[in-house]
N, C-alpha and C. Protein backbone atom coordinates (compact mmCIF):
# COMPACT_ATOMS: atom_id res chain seq x y z
N UNK A 1 -15.75 -27.91 2.28
CA UNK A 1 -15.77 -27.18 2.75
C UNK A 1 -14.94 -26.04 1.88
N UNK A 2 -15.25 -25.32 1.83
CA UNK A 2 -14.25 -23.63 0.78
C UNK A 2 -15.25 -23.55 1.23
N UNK A 3 -13.82 -21.69 0.84
CA UNK A 3 -13.51 -20.15 1.43
C UNK A 3 -14.61 -19.91 0.50
N UNK A 4 -14.31 -18.78 0.96
CA UNK A 4 -15.20 -17.22 0.51
C UNK A 4 -13.19 -17.29 -0.29
N UNK A 5 -13.84 -16.33 -1.35
CA UNK A 5 -12.27 -15.63 -1.67
C UNK A 5 -13.29 -14.87 -2.83
N UNK A 6 -12.93 -13.05 -2.70
CA UNK A 6 -13.32 -12.23 -3.54
C UNK A 6 -12.38 -11.31 -3.93
N UNK A 7 -12.75 -10.25 -5.70
CA UNK A 7 -11.49 -9.25 -5.68
C UNK A 7 -12.40 -8.49 -5.62
N UNK A 8 -11.87 -7.23 -4.95
CA UNK A 8 -12.96 -6.57 -6.01
C UNK A 8 -11.86 -5.57 -6.80
N UNK A 9 -12.52 -5.28 -8.41
CA UNK A 9 -12.53 -4.25 -9.37
C UNK A 9 -12.60 -2.85 -8.86
N UNK A 10 -11.82 -1.68 -8.75
CA UNK A 10 -11.80 -0.44 -9.02
C UNK A 10 -11.94 0.13 -9.14
N UNK A 11 -13.12 1.34 -9.12
CA UNK A 11 -13.40 2.74 -10.06
C UNK A 11 -11.78 3.19 -9.94
N UNK A 12 -11.06 3.85 -10.86
CA UNK A 12 -10.38 4.47 -11.14
C UNK A 12 -11.39 5.82 -10.57
N UNK A 13 -10.08 6.28 -9.80
CA UNK A 13 -10.39 7.63 -9.06
C UNK A 13 -10.89 7.75 -7.54
N UNK A 14 -12.14 6.60 -7.23
CA UNK A 14 -13.08 6.33 -6.61
C UNK A 14 -12.15 5.94 -6.07
N UNK A 15 -12.07 6.28 -4.34
CA UNK A 15 -11.26 6.24 -3.02
C UNK A 15 -12.55 5.10 -2.41
N UNK A 16 -11.83 4.65 -1.67
CA UNK A 16 -12.54 2.97 -1.33
C UNK A 16 -11.47 3.49 0.46
N UNK A 17 -12.94 3.85 1.52
CA UNK A 17 -11.36 3.25 2.97
C UNK A 17 -11.43 2.39 2.78
N UNK A 18 -9.63 2.07 3.74
CA UNK A 18 -9.56 1.22 3.98
C UNK A 18 -9.39 0.75 5.23
N UNK A 19 -9.70 1.90 6.12
CA UNK A 19 -9.48 1.70 7.98
C UNK A 19 -10.61 2.60 8.46
N UNK A 20 -11.36 2.72 8.98
CA UNK A 20 -11.69 4.45 10.25
C UNK A 20 -12.12 3.43 12.08
N UNK A 21 -11.42 4.73 12.35
CA UNK A 21 -11.76 4.57 13.44
C UNK A 21 -11.84 5.89 14.91
N UNK A 22 -11.93 5.85 16.28
CA UNK A 22 -11.47 6.79 16.82
C UNK A 22 -10.56 7.60 17.01
N UNK A 23 -9.42 7.22 16.53
CA UNK A 23 -7.90 8.02 16.11
C UNK A 23 -7.69 7.74 15.11
N UNK A 24 -7.92 7.27 13.80
CA UNK A 24 -7.42 6.47 12.69
C UNK A 24 -8.63 6.70 11.77
N UNK A 25 -8.15 7.54 10.58
CA UNK A 25 -9.05 7.24 9.01
C UNK A 25 -8.43 6.91 7.86
N UNK A 26 -8.41 5.89 7.43
CA UNK A 26 -7.33 5.79 5.49
C UNK A 26 -8.60 5.38 4.82
N UNK A 27 -8.42 5.75 3.50
CA UNK A 27 -8.78 6.10 2.55
C UNK A 27 -7.42 5.85 1.43
N UNK A 28 -8.13 5.21 0.67
CA UNK A 28 -7.04 5.03 -0.61
C UNK A 28 -7.49 5.08 -2.12
N UNK A 29 -7.42 5.95 -3.74
CA UNK A 29 -7.50 5.45 -4.34
C UNK A 29 -6.01 5.52 -5.52
N UNK A 30 -6.66 5.00 -6.58
CA UNK A 30 -5.97 4.79 -7.88
C UNK A 30 -5.00 6.28 -7.93
N UNK A 31 -3.92 5.90 -9.11
CA UNK A 31 -3.42 7.41 -9.20
C UNK A 31 -3.53 7.53 -10.89
N UNK A 32 -3.69 5.84 -11.68
CA UNK A 32 -3.80 5.88 -12.60
C UNK A 32 -5.51 5.73 -14.05
N UNK A 33 -5.41 5.44 -14.48
CA UNK A 33 -6.70 5.21 -15.10
C UNK A 33 -7.47 4.10 -15.22
N UNK A 34 -6.02 3.03 -14.58
CA UNK A 34 -7.54 1.36 -15.26
C UNK A 34 -7.58 1.12 -14.36
N UNK A 35 -8.73 0.27 -13.99
CA UNK A 35 -9.52 -0.24 -12.87
C UNK A 35 -8.23 -1.52 -13.25
N UNK A 36 -8.29 -2.32 -11.08
CA UNK A 36 -6.74 -3.10 -10.61
C UNK A 36 -8.53 -4.13 -10.06
N UNK A 37 -7.97 -5.18 -10.46
CA UNK A 37 -8.15 -6.47 -9.52
C UNK A 37 -7.59 -6.87 -7.96
N UNK A 38 -7.96 -5.80 -6.69
CA UNK A 38 -6.83 -5.94 -5.92
C UNK A 38 -7.98 -5.37 -4.67
N UNK A 39 -7.91 -6.26 -3.31
CA UNK A 39 -7.53 -6.16 -1.83
C UNK A 39 -6.52 -5.05 -0.65
N UNK A 40 -6.37 -4.77 -0.60
CA UNK A 40 -5.95 -4.61 0.23
C UNK A 40 -6.17 -3.70 1.73
N UNK A 41 -5.97 -4.24 3.34
CA UNK A 41 -6.55 -4.80 4.46
C UNK A 41 -5.49 -4.50 5.78
N UNK A 42 -5.32 -3.57 6.54
CA UNK A 42 -4.97 -3.55 8.39
C UNK A 42 -5.94 -3.74 9.43
N UNK A 43 -5.14 -4.45 10.41
CA UNK A 43 -6.30 -4.78 11.65
C UNK A 43 -5.27 -4.65 12.37
N UNK A 44 -4.91 -3.65 13.73
CA UNK A 44 -6.69 -3.25 13.66
C UNK A 44 -5.91 -2.02 12.85
N UNK A 45 -7.14 -0.28 12.87
CA UNK A 45 -7.41 0.55 12.57
C UNK A 45 -7.20 1.10 14.26
N UNK A 46 -6.00 1.25 14.43
CA UNK A 46 -5.59 2.35 15.52
C UNK A 46 -4.02 3.28 15.63
N UNK A 47 -3.98 4.01 15.77
CA UNK A 47 -2.41 4.30 16.45
C UNK A 47 -2.12 3.96 17.98
N UNK A 48 -3.53 3.93 18.78
CA UNK A 48 -3.15 3.49 20.03
C UNK A 48 -2.81 2.45 20.40
N UNK A 49 -1.99 2.24 21.17
CA UNK A 49 -1.49 0.97 22.00
C UNK A 49 -1.64 0.04 20.78
N UNK A 50 -0.68 0.08 19.42
CA UNK A 50 -0.49 -1.18 18.77
C UNK A 50 1.78 -0.84 17.89
N UNK A 51 1.60 -2.19 18.44
CA UNK A 51 2.81 -1.41 17.70
C UNK A 51 3.08 -2.48 16.21
N UNK A 52 2.29 -3.01 16.07
CA UNK A 52 2.01 -3.88 14.45
C UNK A 52 0.74 -3.89 14.09
N UNK A 53 0.19 -4.06 12.75
CA UNK A 53 -0.48 -3.41 11.99
C UNK A 53 -0.22 -5.34 11.46
N UNK A 54 -1.07 -6.04 11.26
CA UNK A 54 -1.30 -7.53 9.71
C UNK A 54 -2.32 -6.28 8.80
N UNK A 55 -1.02 -6.76 7.71
CA UNK A 55 -1.39 -6.55 6.22
C UNK A 55 -2.00 -7.21 5.96
N UNK A 56 -3.10 -7.64 5.35
CA UNK A 56 -3.73 -8.57 3.66
C UNK A 56 -3.90 -8.04 2.16
N UNK A 57 -3.21 -8.11 1.60
CA UNK A 57 -3.60 -8.05 0.40
C UNK A 57 -3.31 -9.37 -1.00
N UNK A 58 -4.29 -9.20 -1.40
CA UNK A 58 -5.13 -9.82 -2.55
C UNK A 58 -4.40 -8.42 -4.14
N UNK A 59 -3.67 -9.52 -5.05
CA UNK A 59 -4.14 -8.84 -6.47
C UNK A 59 -2.90 -9.77 -6.81
N UNK A 60 -3.23 -9.14 -8.61
CA UNK A 60 -3.67 -9.89 -9.45
C UNK A 60 -2.85 -9.11 -10.72
N UNK A 61 -1.77 -9.00 -10.55
CA UNK A 61 -1.18 -7.61 -11.61
C UNK A 61 -0.62 -7.60 -12.97
N UNK A 62 -0.55 -7.01 -12.88
CA UNK A 62 -0.98 -6.59 -15.13
C UNK A 62 0.24 -6.73 -15.91
N UNK A 63 1.86 -6.72 -14.89
CA UNK A 63 3.12 -8.21 -15.44
C UNK A 63 3.57 -8.41 -14.52
N UNK A 64 4.66 -9.00 -15.06
CA UNK A 64 5.41 -9.54 -14.26
C UNK A 64 6.17 -8.80 -13.92
N UNK A 65 6.51 -9.98 -12.26
CA UNK A 65 7.47 -9.55 -11.14
C UNK A 65 8.60 -9.73 -11.05
N UNK A 66 9.21 -9.43 -12.20
CA UNK A 66 10.99 -9.51 -11.65
C UNK A 66 11.63 -8.64 -11.45
N UNK A 67 11.38 -7.10 -11.46
CA UNK A 67 11.53 -6.40 -11.06
C UNK A 67 10.73 -5.28 -10.09
N UNK A 68 11.13 -5.25 -9.18
CA UNK A 68 10.26 -4.11 -8.27
C UNK A 68 11.06 -2.45 -7.04
N UNK A 69 10.24 -1.98 -8.01
CA UNK A 69 11.05 -0.23 -7.35
C UNK A 69 9.76 0.60 -7.28
N UNK A 70 9.62 0.42 -5.40
CA UNK A 70 8.92 1.19 -4.83
C UNK A 70 8.91 2.12 -3.52
N UNK A 71 8.91 3.50 -4.42
CA UNK A 71 9.06 4.78 -4.10
C UNK A 71 7.81 5.38 -3.17
N UNK A 72 7.63 6.04 -2.01
CA UNK A 72 6.67 6.30 -1.27
C UNK A 72 7.16 7.90 -0.69
N UNK A 73 5.52 8.85 -1.58
CA UNK A 73 5.89 10.67 -1.15
C UNK A 73 5.14 10.65 0.05
N UNK A 74 5.56 11.52 1.24
CA UNK A 74 4.60 10.91 2.08
C UNK A 74 4.61 13.10 2.26
N UNK A 75 3.07 13.37 3.09
CA UNK A 75 2.97 14.80 2.65
C UNK A 75 2.03 14.99 4.18
N UNK A 76 2.50 15.70 4.87
CA UNK A 76 2.02 16.20 5.86
C UNK A 76 1.81 17.34 5.90
N UNK A 77 0.01 17.91 6.15
CA UNK A 77 -0.56 18.69 6.11
C UNK A 77 -0.29 19.89 5.16
N UNK A 78 -0.06 19.05 4.02
CA UNK A 78 0.44 19.93 2.26
C UNK A 78 1.36 19.93 2.92
N UNK A 79 2.51 19.70 3.29
CA UNK A 79 3.95 19.85 3.11
C UNK A 79 4.54 18.71 2.96
N UNK A 80 5.50 18.25 1.90
CA UNK A 80 7.00 17.90 1.52
C UNK A 80 7.04 17.16 2.96
N UNK A 81 7.08 15.85 3.55
CA UNK A 81 7.63 15.38 5.20
C UNK A 81 8.64 14.07 4.92
N UNK A 82 8.09 14.03 4.01
CA UNK A 82 9.46 12.40 3.52
C UNK A 82 9.59 11.48 1.77
N UNK A 83 10.57 11.40 1.59
CA UNK A 83 10.44 9.88 -0.04
C UNK A 83 11.32 8.58 0.44
N UNK A 84 11.34 7.99 -0.11
CA UNK A 84 11.15 6.32 0.76
C UNK A 84 11.04 6.02 -0.96
N UNK A 85 13.06 5.48 -1.26
CA UNK A 85 13.16 4.11 -2.57
C UNK A 85 13.55 3.35 -1.63
N UNK A 86 13.22 2.17 -2.81
CA UNK A 86 13.63 0.35 -2.22
C UNK A 86 13.74 -0.30 -3.02
N UNK A 87 14.81 -0.69 -3.53
CA UNK A 87 14.29 -1.57 -5.57
C UNK A 87 14.00 -2.63 -3.77
N UNK A 88 12.37 -3.66 -3.95
CA UNK A 88 12.06 -4.85 -3.59
C UNK A 88 12.24 -6.64 -4.48
N UNK A 89 12.10 -5.94 -5.91
CA UNK A 89 12.56 -7.50 -5.99
C UNK A 89 13.90 -7.32 -7.68
N UNK A 90 14.96 -7.38 -7.75
CA UNK A 90 16.32 -7.09 -8.30
C UNK A 90 16.72 -8.97 -9.24
N UNK A 91 15.74 -9.18 -9.72
CA UNK A 91 15.68 -10.40 -10.40
C UNK A 91 16.71 -11.84 -9.86
N UNK A 92 17.35 -11.29 -8.53
CA UNK A 92 18.52 -12.06 -8.24
C UNK A 92 18.37 -12.02 -6.48
N UNK A 93 18.83 -12.98 -6.27
CA UNK A 93 18.03 -13.83 -4.41
C UNK A 93 17.55 -12.64 -3.98
N UNK A 94 15.85 -12.39 -4.28
CA UNK A 94 14.89 -11.90 -4.15
C UNK A 94 14.03 -12.08 -2.42
N UNK A 95 13.71 -11.78 -1.04
CA UNK A 95 13.55 -12.32 0.09
C UNK A 95 12.25 -12.71 -0.34
N UNK A 96 11.34 -11.10 -0.51
CA UNK A 96 9.41 -11.20 -1.03
C UNK A 96 8.95 -11.82 -1.87
N UNK A 97 8.16 -13.15 -1.63
CA UNK A 97 7.36 -13.89 -2.11
C UNK A 97 6.97 -12.98 -3.83
N UNK A 98 7.01 -11.59 -3.31
CA UNK A 98 5.92 -11.49 -4.48
C UNK A 98 6.84 -11.31 -5.97
N UNK A 99 8.26 -11.42 -5.49
CA UNK A 99 9.46 -11.74 -6.65
C UNK A 99 9.28 -13.15 -7.71
N UNK A 100 9.12 -12.56 -8.80
CA UNK A 100 8.46 -13.25 -9.82
C UNK A 100 7.05 -13.61 -10.31
N UNK A 101 6.42 -13.20 -9.64
CA UNK A 101 5.46 -13.41 -10.04
C UNK A 101 5.49 -13.02 -11.32
N UNK A 102 4.58 -13.93 -11.99
CA UNK A 102 3.43 -13.79 -13.44
C UNK A 102 2.49 -12.98 -13.37
N UNK A 103 2.41 -11.86 -14.67
CA UNK A 103 0.95 -11.16 -15.09
C UNK A 103 0.51 -12.11 -15.09
N UNK A 104 -1.21 -11.65 -13.79
CA UNK A 104 -2.20 -12.57 -14.42
C UNK A 104 -1.99 -13.29 -12.54
N UNK A 105 -1.17 -13.31 -12.29
CA UNK A 105 -1.59 -14.29 -11.14
C UNK A 105 -1.86 -13.88 -9.67
N UNK A 106 -2.44 -14.27 -9.32
CA UNK A 106 -3.03 -14.17 -8.27
C UNK A 106 -2.03 -14.09 -7.11
N UNK A 107 -1.14 -12.97 -5.95
CA UNK A 107 -0.24 -12.32 -5.23
C UNK A 107 -1.57 -12.28 -4.37
N UNK A 108 -1.32 -12.95 -3.53
CA UNK A 108 -2.45 -12.84 -1.35
C UNK A 108 -1.74 -12.89 -0.46
N UNK A 109 -1.10 -12.11 -0.18
CA UNK A 109 0.13 -12.29 1.78
C UNK A 109 -0.54 -11.85 2.54
N UNK A 110 0.61 -11.94 3.52
CA UNK A 110 -0.54 -11.34 5.16
C UNK A 110 1.32 -10.76 5.79
N UNK A 111 1.02 -10.18 6.42
CA UNK A 111 2.40 -9.17 6.39
C UNK A 111 2.60 -8.39 8.04
N UNK A 112 3.79 -8.26 8.33
CA UNK A 112 2.92 -6.61 9.11
C UNK A 112 3.50 -5.56 8.95
N UNK A 113 3.34 -4.70 10.14
CA UNK A 113 3.74 -2.93 8.68
C UNK A 113 3.47 -2.46 10.83
N UNK A 114 5.14 -2.17 11.05
CA UNK A 114 5.82 -1.96 12.39
C UNK A 114 5.53 -0.27 12.54
N UNK A 115 4.48 -0.54 12.73
CA UNK A 115 3.66 0.63 13.29
C UNK A 115 4.38 2.16 13.97
N UNK A 116 4.74 1.19 15.33
CA UNK A 116 5.28 1.96 16.75
C UNK A 116 6.33 3.41 16.96
N UNK A 117 6.99 2.49 15.42
CA UNK A 117 8.66 2.98 14.94
C UNK A 117 8.14 4.21 14.92
N UNK A 118 7.00 4.23 14.13
CA UNK A 118 6.74 6.70 13.62
C UNK A 118 5.64 7.14 14.55
N UNK A 119 5.93 7.76 15.61
CA UNK A 119 4.82 8.75 16.09
C UNK A 119 4.78 10.27 14.95
N UNK A 120 3.48 9.22 15.12
CA UNK A 120 2.37 10.14 14.63
C UNK A 120 1.73 11.50 14.73
N UNK A 121 2.44 12.44 13.89
CA UNK A 121 1.27 13.91 15.18
C UNK A 121 -0.41 13.98 14.49
N UNK A 122 -1.09 14.96 14.78
CA UNK A 122 -2.67 14.35 14.85
C UNK A 122 -2.10 15.71 12.87
N UNK A 123 -3.45 15.04 12.43
CA UNK A 123 -3.06 16.52 11.12
C UNK A 123 -3.05 15.30 10.28
N UNK A 124 -3.26 15.63 8.83
CA UNK A 124 -3.28 14.89 7.41
C UNK A 124 -2.29 14.70 6.57
N UNK A 125 -2.76 13.75 6.46
CA UNK A 125 -1.65 12.94 5.26
C UNK A 125 -1.67 12.16 4.17
N UNK A 126 -1.09 12.68 3.29
CA UNK A 126 -0.70 11.84 1.69
C UNK A 126 0.18 10.87 2.43
N UNK A 127 -0.18 10.50 1.19
CA UNK A 127 1.10 9.57 0.57
C UNK A 127 0.27 8.60 -0.63
N UNK A 128 2.07 8.87 -1.67
CA UNK A 128 1.96 8.33 -2.53
C UNK A 128 2.38 6.94 -2.66
N UNK A 129 1.96 5.97 -3.36
CA UNK A 129 3.08 4.60 -3.28
C UNK A 129 2.59 5.12 -4.82
N UNK A 130 4.24 4.45 -5.37
CA UNK A 130 3.88 3.78 -6.96
C UNK A 130 5.00 2.63 -6.76
N UNK A 131 5.12 2.17 -7.86
CA UNK A 131 5.61 0.52 -8.01
C UNK A 131 5.69 0.53 -10.07
N UNK A 132 7.56 0.28 -9.66
CA UNK A 132 8.23 0.34 -10.73
C UNK A 132 9.11 -1.13 -11.37
N UNK A 133 8.98 -1.19 -13.13
CA UNK A 133 9.19 -2.40 -13.28
C UNK A 133 10.20 -2.59 -14.44
N UNK A 134 11.33 -1.25 -13.40
CA UNK A 134 12.28 -0.92 -14.38
C UNK A 134 13.50 0.14 -12.71
N UNK A 135 14.56 0.15 -12.89
CA UNK A 135 15.51 0.73 -12.08
C UNK A 135 14.69 2.65 -12.18
N UNK A 136 14.57 2.52 -14.05
CA UNK A 136 14.74 3.80 -14.19
C UNK A 136 13.39 5.24 -14.40
N UNK A 137 12.94 4.76 -13.05
CA UNK A 137 11.04 5.32 -12.69
C UNK A 137 10.53 5.22 -14.79
N UNK A 138 11.14 4.68 -15.28
CA UNK A 138 9.86 5.14 -16.55
C UNK A 138 9.24 4.15 -16.46
N UNK A 139 8.75 2.82 -16.09
CA UNK A 139 7.66 1.56 -16.16
C UNK A 139 6.76 1.73 -15.10
N UNK A 140 5.88 2.71 -14.09
CA UNK A 140 5.84 2.83 -13.33
C UNK A 140 4.22 1.17 -13.40
N UNK A 141 3.63 0.25 -13.22
CA UNK A 141 3.01 -0.15 -13.43
C UNK A 141 2.03 -0.58 -12.53
N UNK A 142 1.82 0.51 -11.12
CA UNK A 142 0.42 0.42 -10.25
C UNK A 142 1.51 1.71 -9.25
N UNK A 143 -0.07 2.42 -9.19
CA UNK A 143 -0.12 3.87 -8.05
C UNK A 143 -0.81 3.81 -7.67
N UNK A 144 -1.51 3.98 -6.30
CA UNK A 144 -1.56 4.13 -4.68
C UNK A 144 -1.40 5.75 -3.76
N UNK A 145 -2.78 6.23 -4.02
CA UNK A 145 -2.95 6.85 -3.49
C UNK A 145 -3.24 7.59 -1.77
N UNK A 146 -2.93 7.09 -1.31
CA UNK A 146 -3.14 7.09 -0.13
C UNK A 146 -3.02 7.96 1.37
N UNK A 147 -5.22 8.51 1.93
CA UNK A 147 -5.13 9.78 2.59
C UNK A 147 -4.79 9.17 3.95
N UNK A 148 -4.34 9.68 4.65
CA UNK A 148 -4.23 9.29 6.42
C UNK A 148 -4.93 10.23 6.95
N UNK A 149 -6.15 10.24 8.50
CA UNK A 149 -5.99 11.60 9.27
C UNK A 149 -5.76 10.48 10.47
N UNK A 150 -4.73 11.06 11.11
CA UNK A 150 -4.60 10.65 12.56
C UNK A 150 -5.31 11.67 12.85
N UNK A 151 -6.07 11.68 14.00
CA UNK A 151 -6.87 12.09 14.76
C UNK A 151 -6.86 12.72 16.72
N UNK A 152 -5.27 12.60 16.69
CA UNK A 152 -5.48 12.38 18.10
C UNK A 152 -3.64 12.43 17.98
N UNK A 153 -3.49 12.13 18.83
CA UNK A 153 -1.78 12.16 18.94
C UNK A 153 -1.31 11.22 19.59
N UNK A 154 -0.10 10.80 19.14
CA UNK A 154 0.16 9.63 19.29
C UNK A 154 1.09 9.55 20.70
N UNK A 155 1.28 10.94 20.76
CA UNK A 155 1.74 11.26 22.16
C UNK A 155 2.02 10.58 23.44
């Protein structure tokens, strides 16, 4: 028995739908001008009565992941709402499976996103996710631009 495995080579600047439902719509594109071997999926595509999303990521990085710092910039209806920074891999006692992966190796992982912690009001959200290979934030190796449209209040 053999399984179906595929990677999508995204064209830079072209938006890809992540999911669409009656209460939520999410799409993303890459900020840089280089195509990536990358897939990302979340289920269920809804905020209503869902406390945890299942996320699936498949990616072939273009550099070794010995150090990984991520930065999220979040805008709500055009106003900056949040900036969050986190070092995920430092090269010592790293807890994430992507830490230590080498350039060209396939990362295939599933993880939970706990969405119930934040109640998102109806509106348009822009989320920029930047990944850096150094703490000085000079060497960005990935940048994703997510657009999230919350169609109804979750209150």
